[in-house]
Amino acid sequence: MVKFVLIGLLLVGSAASLDLIGRTQSAAVKGKLMCEGKPASGVKVKLMESDNSFGPGFLDSDDKMASGKSDPSGGFNLSGSTKELTGIEAYLAVFHDCKDGITPCQRVFRVNIPKSYTNSGSSAKQTYDAGVIELAGKYPGETRSCLN
């Protein structure tokens, strides 16, 4: 019996990762990045969808919905969509070197996007305003990434 459940989970996970099943859902986020009170330009930002409901990397990895870099004033605006079986859990990932000295790789943290800012369909109906984000401080759950 356990084998059948595991095989079923693997089949559903495989079909979901190949976009064979699920519904298209969207999100959008905007904001402004600052480093010690000055605009942080050229900072990599990604609009992501979390797939870690069963634990990191189990069945499916997080989906990149959109990516870009902050403009000269530190501003960014991302919009994207992905296919999922259940409601999406969108978040903004920020990769930066503000107040990082010569430490290798980049600091990375995430800002969760409320479910009320996600919708069905291939384009977002409203944009979540993440506001002004000061990068100099340390954020809860902040990590480092060399592969971004």
N, C-alpha and C. Protein backbone atom coordinates (compact mmCIF):
# COMPACT_ATOMS: atom_id res chain seq x y z
N MET A 1 0.82 -1.20 0.00
CA MET A 1 0.00 0.00 0.00
C MET A 1 0.87 1.26 0.00
N VAL A 2 1.91 1.26 0.82
CA VAL A 2 2.80 2.40 0.89
C VAL A 2 3.47 2.64 -0.46
N LYS A 3 3.80 1.55 -1.17
CA LYS A 3 4.43 1.68 -2.49
C LYS A 3 3.51 2.42 -3.46
N PHE A 4 2.22 2.10 -3.43
CA PHE A 4 1.27 2.74 -4.33
C PHE A 4 1.14 4.23 -4.03
N VAL A 5 1.14 4.58 -2.76
CA VAL A 5 1.06 5.99 -2.37
C VAL A 5 2.30 6.73 -2.85
N LEU A 6 3.48 6.15 -2.64
CA LEU A 6 4.72 6.78 -3.08
C LEU A 6 4.78 6.91 -4.60
N ILE A 7 4.37 5.88 -5.31
CA ILE A 7 4.36 5.94 -6.77
C ILE A 7 3.38 7.02 -7.24
N GLY A 8 2.22 7.10 -6.61
CA GLY A 8 1.24 8.13 -6.96
C GLY A 8 1.80 9.53 -6.73
N LEU A 9 2.47 9.75 -5.60
CA LEU A 9 3.08 11.05 -5.32
C LEU A 9 4.15 11.39 -6.34
N LEU A 10 4.96 10.42 -6.72
CA LEU A 10 6.00 10.66 -7.71
C LEU A 10 5.41 10.99 -9.08
N LEU A 11 4.35 10.30 -9.46
CA LEU A 11 3.71 10.58 -10.75
C LEU A 11 3.09 11.98 -10.78
N VAL A 12 2.40 12.35 -9.71
CA VAL A 12 1.80 13.68 -9.64
C VAL A 12 2.89 14.74 -9.63
N GLY A 13 3.96 14.51 -8.86
CA GLY A 13 5.07 15.45 -8.81
C GLY A 13 5.74 15.60 -10.16
N SER A 14 5.92 14.51 -10.86
CA SER A 14 6.55 14.56 -12.19
C SER A 14 5.66 15.30 -13.18
N ALA A 15 4.37 15.02 -13.17
CA ALA A 15 3.45 15.70 -14.08
C ALA A 15 3.39 17.19 -13.78
N ALA A 16 3.41 17.53 -12.49
CA ALA A 16 3.36 18.95 -12.10
C ALA A 16 4.63 19.67 -12.53
N SER A 17 5.78 19.02 -12.38
CA SER A 17 7.04 19.68 -12.75
C SER A 17 7.17 19.85 -14.25
N LEU A 18 6.46 19.06 -15.03
CA LEU A 18 6.48 19.19 -16.49
C LEU A 18 5.35 20.08 -16.99
N ASP A 19 4.63 20.72 -16.08
CA ASP A 19 3.50 21.60 -16.42
C ASP A 19 2.40 20.88 -17.18
N LEU A 20 2.22 19.58 -16.91
CA LEU A 20 1.17 18.82 -17.57
C LEU A 20 -0.17 19.01 -16.88
N ILE A 21 -0.11 19.32 -15.59
CA ILE A 21 -1.35 19.53 -14.84
C ILE A 21 -1.20 20.81 -14.02
N GLY A 22 -2.30 21.31 -13.53
CA GLY A 22 -2.27 22.53 -12.73
C GLY A 22 -2.93 23.68 -13.48
N ARG A 23 -3.03 24.80 -12.79
CA ARG A 23 -3.64 25.98 -13.40
C ARG A 23 -2.65 27.13 -13.35
N THR A 24 -2.70 27.99 -14.35
CA THR A 24 -1.81 29.15 -14.41
C THR A 24 -2.25 30.18 -13.39
N GLN A 25 -1.27 30.65 -12.60
CA GLN A 25 -1.52 31.66 -11.57
C GLN A 25 -0.42 32.72 -11.65
N SER A 26 -0.75 33.93 -11.22
CA SER A 26 0.16 35.06 -11.39
C SER A 26 0.34 35.88 -10.12
N ALA A 27 1.42 36.66 -10.13
CA ALA A 27 1.71 37.61 -9.05
C ALA A 27 2.59 38.71 -9.62
N ALA A 28 2.62 39.83 -8.92
CA ALA A 28 3.49 40.95 -9.30
C ALA A 28 3.94 41.66 -8.02
N VAL A 29 5.14 42.23 -8.08
CA VAL A 29 5.70 42.93 -6.92
C VAL A 29 6.54 44.11 -7.42
N LYS A 30 6.51 45.19 -6.64
CA LYS A 30 7.34 46.35 -6.94
C LYS A 30 7.91 46.88 -5.63
N GLY A 31 8.92 47.71 -5.73
CA GLY A 31 9.50 48.31 -4.55
C GLY A 31 10.74 49.09 -4.89
N LYS A 32 11.45 49.50 -3.84
CA LYS A 32 12.66 50.29 -4.01
C LYS A 32 13.70 49.77 -3.03
N LEU A 33 14.92 49.53 -3.52
CA LEU A 33 16.01 49.02 -2.71
C LEU A 33 16.99 50.13 -2.38
N MET A 34 17.39 50.18 -1.11
CA MET A 34 18.34 51.18 -0.65
C MET A 34 19.49 50.48 0.08
N CYS A 35 20.69 51.07 0.00
CA CYS A 35 21.84 50.57 0.75
C CYS A 35 22.41 51.76 1.52
N GLU A 36 22.26 51.71 2.82
CA GLU A 36 22.69 52.80 3.70
C GLU A 36 22.08 54.13 3.28
N GLY A 37 20.80 54.10 2.93
CA GLY A 37 20.07 55.30 2.58
C GLY A 37 20.24 55.78 1.16
N LYS A 38 21.05 55.08 0.36
CA LYS A 38 21.26 55.47 -1.04
C LYS A 38 20.64 54.42 -1.96
N PRO A 39 20.14 54.83 -3.13
CA PRO A 39 19.54 53.85 -4.06
C PRO A 39 20.51 52.72 -4.39
N ALA A 40 20.02 51.50 -4.34
CA ALA A 40 20.82 50.32 -4.66
C ALA A 40 20.47 49.88 -6.08
N SER A 41 21.29 50.29 -7.04
CA SER A 41 21.02 49.94 -8.44
C SER A 41 21.74 48.65 -8.82
N GLY A 42 21.18 47.95 -9.81
CA GLY A 42 21.79 46.72 -10.31
C GLY A 42 21.67 45.52 -9.39
N VAL A 43 20.77 45.58 -8.41
CA VAL A 43 20.58 44.46 -7.48
C VAL A 43 19.65 43.44 -8.13
N LYS A 44 20.06 42.17 -8.11
CA LYS A 44 19.26 41.10 -8.72
C LYS A 44 18.05 40.80 -7.84
N VAL A 45 16.87 40.76 -8.48
CA VAL A 45 15.62 40.42 -7.80
C VAL A 45 14.91 39.35 -8.61
N LYS A 46 14.26 38.43 -7.90
CA LYS A 46 13.51 37.36 -8.57
C LYS A 46 12.14 37.22 -7.93
N LEU A 47 11.14 37.05 -8.76
CA LEU A 47 9.79 36.72 -8.31
C LEU A 47 9.71 35.20 -8.37
N MET A 48 9.56 34.57 -7.21
CA MET A 48 9.62 33.12 -7.10
C MET A 48 8.30 32.56 -6.56
N GLU A 49 8.13 31.26 -6.76
CA GLU A 49 6.98 30.53 -6.21
C GLU A 49 7.53 29.36 -5.42
N SER A 50 7.15 29.28 -4.15
CA SER A 50 7.67 28.26 -3.25
C SER A 50 6.98 26.92 -3.47
N ASP A 51 7.79 25.88 -3.66
CA ASP A 51 7.27 24.52 -3.83
C ASP A 51 7.77 23.60 -2.73
N ASN A 52 8.11 24.15 -1.59
CA ASN A 52 8.70 23.34 -0.53
C ASN A 52 7.70 22.90 0.52
N SER A 53 6.48 22.62 0.12
CA SER A 53 5.45 22.19 1.05
C SER A 53 5.81 20.89 1.75
N PHE A 54 6.53 20.00 1.06
CA PHE A 54 6.89 18.70 1.61
C PHE A 54 8.33 18.67 2.10
N GLY A 55 9.00 19.79 2.07
CA GLY A 55 10.41 19.86 2.45
C GLY A 55 11.24 20.28 1.26
N PRO A 56 12.41 20.86 1.51
CA PRO A 56 13.24 21.38 0.43
C PRO A 56 13.55 20.35 -0.65
N GLY A 57 13.21 20.68 -1.88
CA GLY A 57 13.56 19.84 -3.01
C GLY A 57 12.74 18.58 -3.19
N PHE A 58 11.76 18.32 -2.34
CA PHE A 58 10.97 17.10 -2.47
C PHE A 58 9.89 17.31 -3.52
N LEU A 59 9.87 16.49 -4.51
CA LEU A 59 8.93 16.51 -5.63
C LEU A 59 9.17 17.64 -6.63
N ASP A 60 9.38 18.85 -6.16
CA ASP A 60 9.46 19.98 -7.07
C ASP A 60 10.30 21.08 -6.42
N SER A 61 11.07 21.80 -7.21
CA SER A 61 11.85 22.92 -6.68
C SER A 61 11.08 24.22 -6.93
N ASP A 62 11.51 25.30 -6.26
CA ASP A 62 10.84 26.59 -6.43
C ASP A 62 10.88 27.02 -7.90
N ASP A 63 9.83 27.69 -8.33
CA ASP A 63 9.72 28.14 -9.72
C ASP A 63 10.06 29.62 -9.82
N LYS A 64 10.90 29.98 -10.79
CA LYS A 64 11.18 31.40 -11.06
C LYS A 64 10.09 31.91 -11.99
N MET A 65 9.36 32.92 -11.53
CA MET A 65 8.28 33.51 -12.32
C MET A 65 8.78 34.70 -13.13
N ALA A 66 9.77 35.42 -12.61
CA ALA A 66 10.35 36.58 -13.30
C ALA A 66 11.63 36.97 -12.58
N SER A 67 12.51 37.67 -13.29
CA SER A 67 13.73 38.18 -12.65
C SER A 67 14.16 39.47 -13.33
N GLY A 68 14.98 40.22 -12.65
CA GLY A 68 15.48 41.48 -13.19
C GLY A 68 16.47 42.10 -12.23
N LYS A 69 16.79 43.36 -12.48
CA LYS A 69 17.70 44.11 -11.62
C LYS A 69 17.07 45.46 -11.30
N SER A 70 17.42 45.99 -10.14
CA SER A 70 16.90 47.30 -9.77
C SER A 70 17.49 48.38 -10.68
N ASP A 71 16.70 49.41 -10.93
CA ASP A 71 17.13 50.51 -11.82
C ASP A 71 18.03 51.49 -11.05
N PRO A 72 18.52 52.54 -11.70
CA PRO A 72 19.43 53.49 -11.02
C PRO A 72 18.86 54.13 -9.76
N SER A 73 17.53 54.22 -9.66
CA SER A 73 16.92 54.78 -8.45
C SER A 73 16.63 53.71 -7.40
N GLY A 74 17.02 52.45 -7.69
CA GLY A 74 16.77 51.34 -6.76
C GLY A 74 15.43 50.67 -6.98
N GLY A 75 14.63 51.16 -7.91
CA GLY A 75 13.30 50.62 -8.14
C GLY A 75 13.30 49.32 -8.93
N PHE A 76 12.29 48.52 -8.69
CA PHE A 76 12.10 47.28 -9.45
C PHE A 76 10.61 47.02 -9.58
N ASN A 77 10.24 46.27 -10.61
CA ASN A 77 8.85 45.91 -10.86
C ASN A 77 8.86 44.59 -11.61
N LEU A 78 8.36 43.53 -10.98
CA LEU A 78 8.35 42.20 -11.58
C LEU A 78 6.94 41.65 -11.64
N SER A 79 6.64 40.92 -12.70
CA SER A 79 5.35 40.27 -12.87
C SER A 79 5.58 38.95 -13.57
N GLY A 80 4.90 37.89 -13.12
CA GLY A 80 5.08 36.60 -13.76
C GLY A 80 3.99 35.62 -13.39
N SER A 81 4.06 34.44 -14.00
CA SER A 81 3.06 33.41 -13.75
C SER A 81 3.72 32.03 -13.78
N THR A 82 3.01 31.06 -13.23
CA THR A 82 3.47 29.68 -13.20
C THR A 82 2.25 28.78 -13.08
N LYS A 83 2.43 27.50 -13.39
CA LYS A 83 1.35 26.51 -13.25
C LYS A 83 1.55 25.74 -11.95
N GLU A 84 0.48 25.61 -11.17
CA GLU A 84 0.52 24.86 -9.92
C GLU A 84 -0.81 24.15 -9.70
N LEU A 85 -0.74 23.05 -8.98
CA LEU A 85 -1.95 22.31 -8.62
C LEU A 85 -2.77 23.06 -7.57
N THR A 86 -2.06 23.68 -6.62
CA THR A 86 -2.71 24.40 -5.53
C THR A 86 -2.38 25.88 -5.66
N GLY A 87 -2.89 26.69 -4.74
CA GLY A 87 -2.60 28.12 -4.76
C GLY A 87 -1.11 28.39 -4.64
N ILE A 88 -0.63 29.39 -5.37
CA ILE A 88 0.81 29.68 -5.34
C ILE A 88 1.20 30.43 -4.06
N GLU A 89 2.45 30.24 -3.67
CA GLU A 89 3.05 30.94 -2.54
C GLU A 89 4.20 31.77 -3.10
N ALA A 90 3.87 32.97 -3.56
CA ALA A 90 4.85 33.83 -4.23
C ALA A 90 5.72 34.56 -3.21
N TYR A 91 6.98 34.81 -3.62
CA TYR A 91 7.87 35.62 -2.80
C TYR A 91 8.89 36.33 -3.68
N LEU A 92 9.43 37.40 -3.13
CA LEU A 92 10.49 38.16 -3.78
C LEU A 92 11.81 37.72 -3.17
N ALA A 93 12.77 37.35 -3.99
CA ALA A 93 14.12 37.02 -3.52
C ALA A 93 15.05 38.16 -3.94
N VAL A 94 15.83 38.66 -2.98
CA VAL A 94 16.75 39.78 -3.22
C VAL A 94 18.17 39.30 -2.99
N PHE A 95 19.04 39.47 -4.00
CA PHE A 95 20.44 39.04 -3.95
C PHE A 95 21.31 40.29 -3.98
N HIS A 96 22.09 40.54 -2.91
CA HIS A 96 22.83 41.81 -2.85
C HIS A 96 24.15 41.69 -2.10
N ASP A 97 24.94 42.76 -2.20
CA ASP A 97 26.23 42.85 -1.53
C ASP A 97 26.33 44.07 -0.62
N CYS A 98 25.22 44.67 -0.24
CA CYS A 98 25.23 45.85 0.60
C CYS A 98 25.86 45.54 1.96
N LYS A 99 26.83 46.34 2.37
CA LYS A 99 27.53 46.18 3.66
C LYS A 99 28.07 44.76 3.81
N ASP A 100 28.64 44.25 2.74
CA ASP A 100 29.09 42.86 2.72
C ASP A 100 30.61 42.73 2.69
N GLY A 101 31.31 43.83 2.54
CA GLY A 101 32.77 43.77 2.50
C GLY A 101 33.26 42.88 1.38
N ILE A 102 34.26 42.04 1.68
CA ILE A 102 34.84 41.16 0.66
C ILE A 102 34.34 39.72 0.81
N THR A 103 33.28 39.53 1.58
CA THR A 103 32.73 38.19 1.77
C THR A 103 32.28 37.62 0.43
N PRO A 104 32.66 36.36 0.13
CA PRO A 104 32.26 35.78 -1.16
C PRO A 104 30.75 35.53 -1.24
N CYS A 105 30.27 35.48 -2.45
CA CYS A 105 28.85 35.22 -2.75
C CYS A 105 28.00 36.42 -2.34
N GLN A 106 26.69 36.25 -2.42
CA GLN A 106 25.78 37.36 -2.13
C GLN A 106 24.85 37.03 -0.98
N ARG A 107 24.46 38.08 -0.28
CA ARG A 107 23.43 37.93 0.75
C ARG A 107 22.10 37.77 0.03
N VAL A 108 21.24 36.93 0.55
CA VAL A 108 19.92 36.74 -0.07
C VAL A 108 18.86 36.60 1.02
N PHE A 109 17.74 37.25 0.81
CA PHE A 109 16.60 37.11 1.71
C PHE A 109 15.33 37.15 0.87
N ARG A 110 14.25 36.77 1.49
CA ARG A 110 12.98 36.75 0.77
C ARG A 110 11.92 37.58 1.48
N VAL A 111 11.01 38.10 0.67
CA VAL A 111 9.86 38.85 1.16
C VAL A 111 8.63 38.12 0.63
N ASN A 112 7.83 37.57 1.53
CA ASN A 112 6.64 36.84 1.10
C ASN A 112 5.58 37.80 0.56
N ILE A 113 4.91 37.37 -0.48
CA ILE A 113 3.84 38.16 -1.09
C ILE A 113 2.51 37.58 -0.61
N PRO A 114 1.66 38.40 0.00
CA PRO A 114 0.38 37.90 0.51
C PRO A 114 -0.45 37.21 -0.58
N LYS A 115 -1.15 36.14 -0.19
CA LYS A 115 -1.98 35.39 -1.14
C LYS A 115 -3.02 36.28 -1.81
N SER A 116 -3.44 37.33 -1.13
CA SER A 116 -4.45 38.23 -1.71
C SER A 116 -3.93 38.97 -2.94
N TYR A 117 -2.61 38.92 -3.19
CA TYR A 117 -2.01 39.55 -4.36
C TYR A 117 -1.70 38.55 -5.47
N THR A 118 -2.20 37.33 -5.34
CA THR A 118 -2.04 36.33 -6.40
C THR A 118 -3.41 36.05 -7.00
N ASN A 119 -3.43 35.61 -8.25
CA ASN A 119 -4.71 35.33 -8.91
C ASN A 119 -4.52 34.29 -10.01
N SER A 120 -5.64 33.70 -10.43
CA SER A 120 -5.62 32.78 -11.57
C SER A 120 -5.45 33.58 -12.84
N GLY A 121 -4.81 32.96 -13.84
CA GLY A 121 -4.60 33.63 -15.12
C GLY A 121 -3.13 33.93 -15.36
N SER A 122 -2.83 34.37 -16.57
CA SER A 122 -1.43 34.57 -16.96
C SER A 122 -0.90 35.96 -16.67
N SER A 123 -1.74 36.87 -16.17
CA SER A 123 -1.23 38.19 -15.79
C SER A 123 -1.82 38.62 -14.45
N ALA A 124 -0.98 39.28 -13.66
CA ALA A 124 -1.39 39.71 -12.32
C ALA A 124 -2.41 40.84 -12.40
N LYS A 125 -3.42 40.77 -11.55
CA LYS A 125 -4.46 41.80 -11.53
C LYS A 125 -4.08 42.97 -10.63
N GLN A 126 -3.20 42.72 -9.66
CA GLN A 126 -2.73 43.79 -8.78
C GLN A 126 -1.28 43.53 -8.41
N THR A 127 -0.59 44.59 -8.04
CA THR A 127 0.84 44.51 -7.73
C THR A 127 1.06 44.75 -6.25
N TYR A 128 1.80 43.85 -5.62
CA TYR A 128 2.15 44.02 -4.21
C TYR A 128 3.28 45.04 -4.11
N ASP A 129 3.08 46.08 -3.30
CA ASP A 129 4.11 47.10 -3.09
C ASP A 129 4.92 46.72 -1.85
N ALA A 130 6.15 46.27 -2.08
CA ALA A 130 7.03 45.87 -0.97
C ALA A 130 7.61 47.09 -0.26
N GLY A 131 7.39 48.28 -0.81
CA GLY A 131 7.86 49.51 -0.18
C GLY A 131 9.35 49.73 -0.37
N VAL A 132 9.92 50.54 0.51
CA VAL A 132 11.36 50.82 0.49
C VAL A 132 12.04 49.79 1.38
N ILE A 133 12.99 49.07 0.82
CA ILE A 133 13.69 48.01 1.55
C ILE A 133 15.14 48.44 1.74
N GLU A 134 15.54 48.60 3.00
CA GLU A 134 16.92 48.95 3.33
C GLU A 134 17.73 47.65 3.43
N LEU A 135 18.74 47.52 2.59
CA LEU A 135 19.52 46.28 2.51
C LEU A 135 20.62 46.17 3.55
N ALA A 136 20.97 47.27 4.22
CA ALA A 136 22.11 47.26 5.14
C ALA A 136 21.87 46.35 6.35
N GLY A 137 20.64 46.21 6.79
CA GLY A 137 20.34 45.37 7.96
C GLY A 137 20.30 43.90 7.61
N LYS A 138 20.28 43.06 8.65
CA LYS A 138 20.17 41.61 8.45
C LYS A 138 18.70 41.23 8.55
N TYR A 139 18.26 40.36 7.64
CA TYR A 139 16.86 39.95 7.60
C TYR A 139 16.69 38.55 8.17
N PRO A 140 15.53 38.28 8.80
CA PRO A 140 15.27 36.93 9.30
C PRO A 140 15.34 35.92 8.15
N GLY A 141 16.03 34.83 8.37
CA GLY A 141 16.15 33.79 7.35
C GLY A 141 17.15 34.12 6.26
N GLU A 142 17.89 35.21 6.40
CA GLU A 142 18.87 35.60 5.38
C GLU A 142 19.95 34.53 5.25
N THR A 143 20.32 34.24 4.01
CA THR A 143 21.37 33.25 3.74
C THR A 143 22.37 33.85 2.75
N ARG A 144 23.23 33.01 2.22
CA ARG A 144 24.19 33.43 1.19
C ARG A 144 23.99 32.54 -0.02
N SER A 145 24.22 33.10 -1.20
CA SER A 145 24.08 32.32 -2.43
C SER A 145 25.21 32.68 -3.40
N CYS A 146 25.85 31.64 -3.92
CA CYS A 146 26.88 31.83 -4.95
C CYS A 146 26.30 31.50 -6.33
N LEU A 147 25.15 30.84 -6.36
CA LEU A 147 24.52 30.41 -7.61
C LEU A 147 23.17 31.10 -7.75
N ASN A 148 23.16 32.26 -8.33
CA ASN A 148 21.87 32.94 -8.47
C ASN A 148 21.76 33.50 -9.86
